[in-house]
């Protein structure tokens, strides 16, 4: 794999993990997902947009962090 792409993916994974630890550590998975859903509604995220993809990545990282994957 291209080193730059791999570096970007690793950096993003680390940033997501830190973001989740900083913001969702004390919350249950259900509470965390409710917060994400509310944020999507407030921002009005359109499907298949870059922002939508970021929310999907956030959800996946959250599931991993909470041990649901």
Protein backbone atom coordinates (compact mmCIF):
# COMPACT_ATOMS: atom_id res chain seq x y z
CA UNK A 1 0.00 0.00 0.00
CA UNK A 2 1.14 3.51 -0.73
CA UNK A 3 2.92 4.84 2.38
CA UNK A 4 1.09 8.18 2.28
CA UNK A 5 -2.32 6.50 2.18
CA UNK A 6 -1.38 4.11 4.96
CA UNK A 7 -0.07 7.00 7.06
CA UNK A 8 -3.30 8.95 6.50
CA UNK A 9 -5.45 5.97 7.49
CA UNK A 10 -3.38 5.31 10.61
CA UNK A 11 -3.51 8.99 11.58
CA UNK A 12 -7.26 9.08 11.07
CA UNK A 13 -7.70 5.92 13.18
CA UNK A 14 -5.66 7.48 15.97
CA UNK A 15 -7.60 10.74 15.77
CA UNK A 16 -10.93 8.90 15.85
CA UNK A 17 -9.85 6.84 18.85
CA UNK A 18 -8.72 9.96 20.72
CA UNK A 19 -11.94 11.79 19.82
CA UNK A 20 -14.02 8.88 21.10
CA UNK A 21 -11.99 8.59 24.29
CA UNK A 22 -12.34 12.34 24.89
CA UNK A 23 -16.07 12.54 24.16
CA UNK A 24 -17.74 9.15 24.60
CA UNK A 25 -15.72 7.33 27.27
CA UNK A 26 -18.27 7.88 30.04
CA UNK A 27 -21.30 7.15 27.84
CA UNK A 28 -22.85 3.84 26.88
CA UNK A 29 -22.87 2.76 23.25
CA UNK A 30 -26.57 3.66 23.01
CA UNK A 31 -26.02 7.16 24.44
CA UNK A 32 -23.07 7.70 22.12
CA UNK A 33 -25.05 6.67 19.06
CA UNK A 34 -27.93 8.95 20.09
CA UNK A 35 -25.51 11.89 20.24
CA UNK A 36 -24.17 11.06 16.78
CA UNK A 37 -27.69 10.73 15.31
CA UNK A 38 -28.67 14.08 16.85
CA UNK A 39 -25.56 15.73 15.38
CA UNK A 40 -26.38 14.32 11.93
CA UNK A 41 -29.91 15.76 12.16
CA UNK A 42 -28.64 19.18 13.26
CA UNK A 43 -26.07 19.29 10.46
CA UNK A 44 -28.46 17.72 7.90
CA UNK A 45 -25.90 15.33 6.45
CA UNK A 46 -26.68 14.13 2.94
CA UNK A 47 -26.12 10.45 2.13
CA UNK A 48 -22.87 9.51 0.39
CA UNK A 49 -21.32 12.90 1.13
CA UNK A 50 -17.84 13.24 2.60
CA UNK A 51 -19.45 14.21 5.91
CA UNK A 52 -21.66 11.12 5.80
CA UNK A 53 -18.55 8.98 5.31
CA UNK A 54 -16.96 10.63 8.34
CA UNK A 55 -20.00 9.83 10.46
CA UNK A 56 -19.85 6.20 9.27
CA UNK A 57 -16.16 6.05 10.23
CA UNK A 58 -17.00 7.56 13.62
CA UNK A 59 -19.70 4.95 14.22
CA UNK A 60 -17.40 2.08 13.27
CA UNK A 61 -14.63 3.39 15.54
CA UNK A 62 -17.17 3.79 18.33
CA UNK A 63 -18.34 0.19 17.99
CA UNK A 64 -14.73 -0.99 18.09
CA UNK A 65 -13.94 1.17 21.11
CA UNK A 66 -16.98 -0.09 23.01
CA UNK A 67 -16.13 -3.67 22.06
CA UNK A 68 -19.20 -4.29 19.91
CA UNK A 69 -17.33 -5.45 16.77
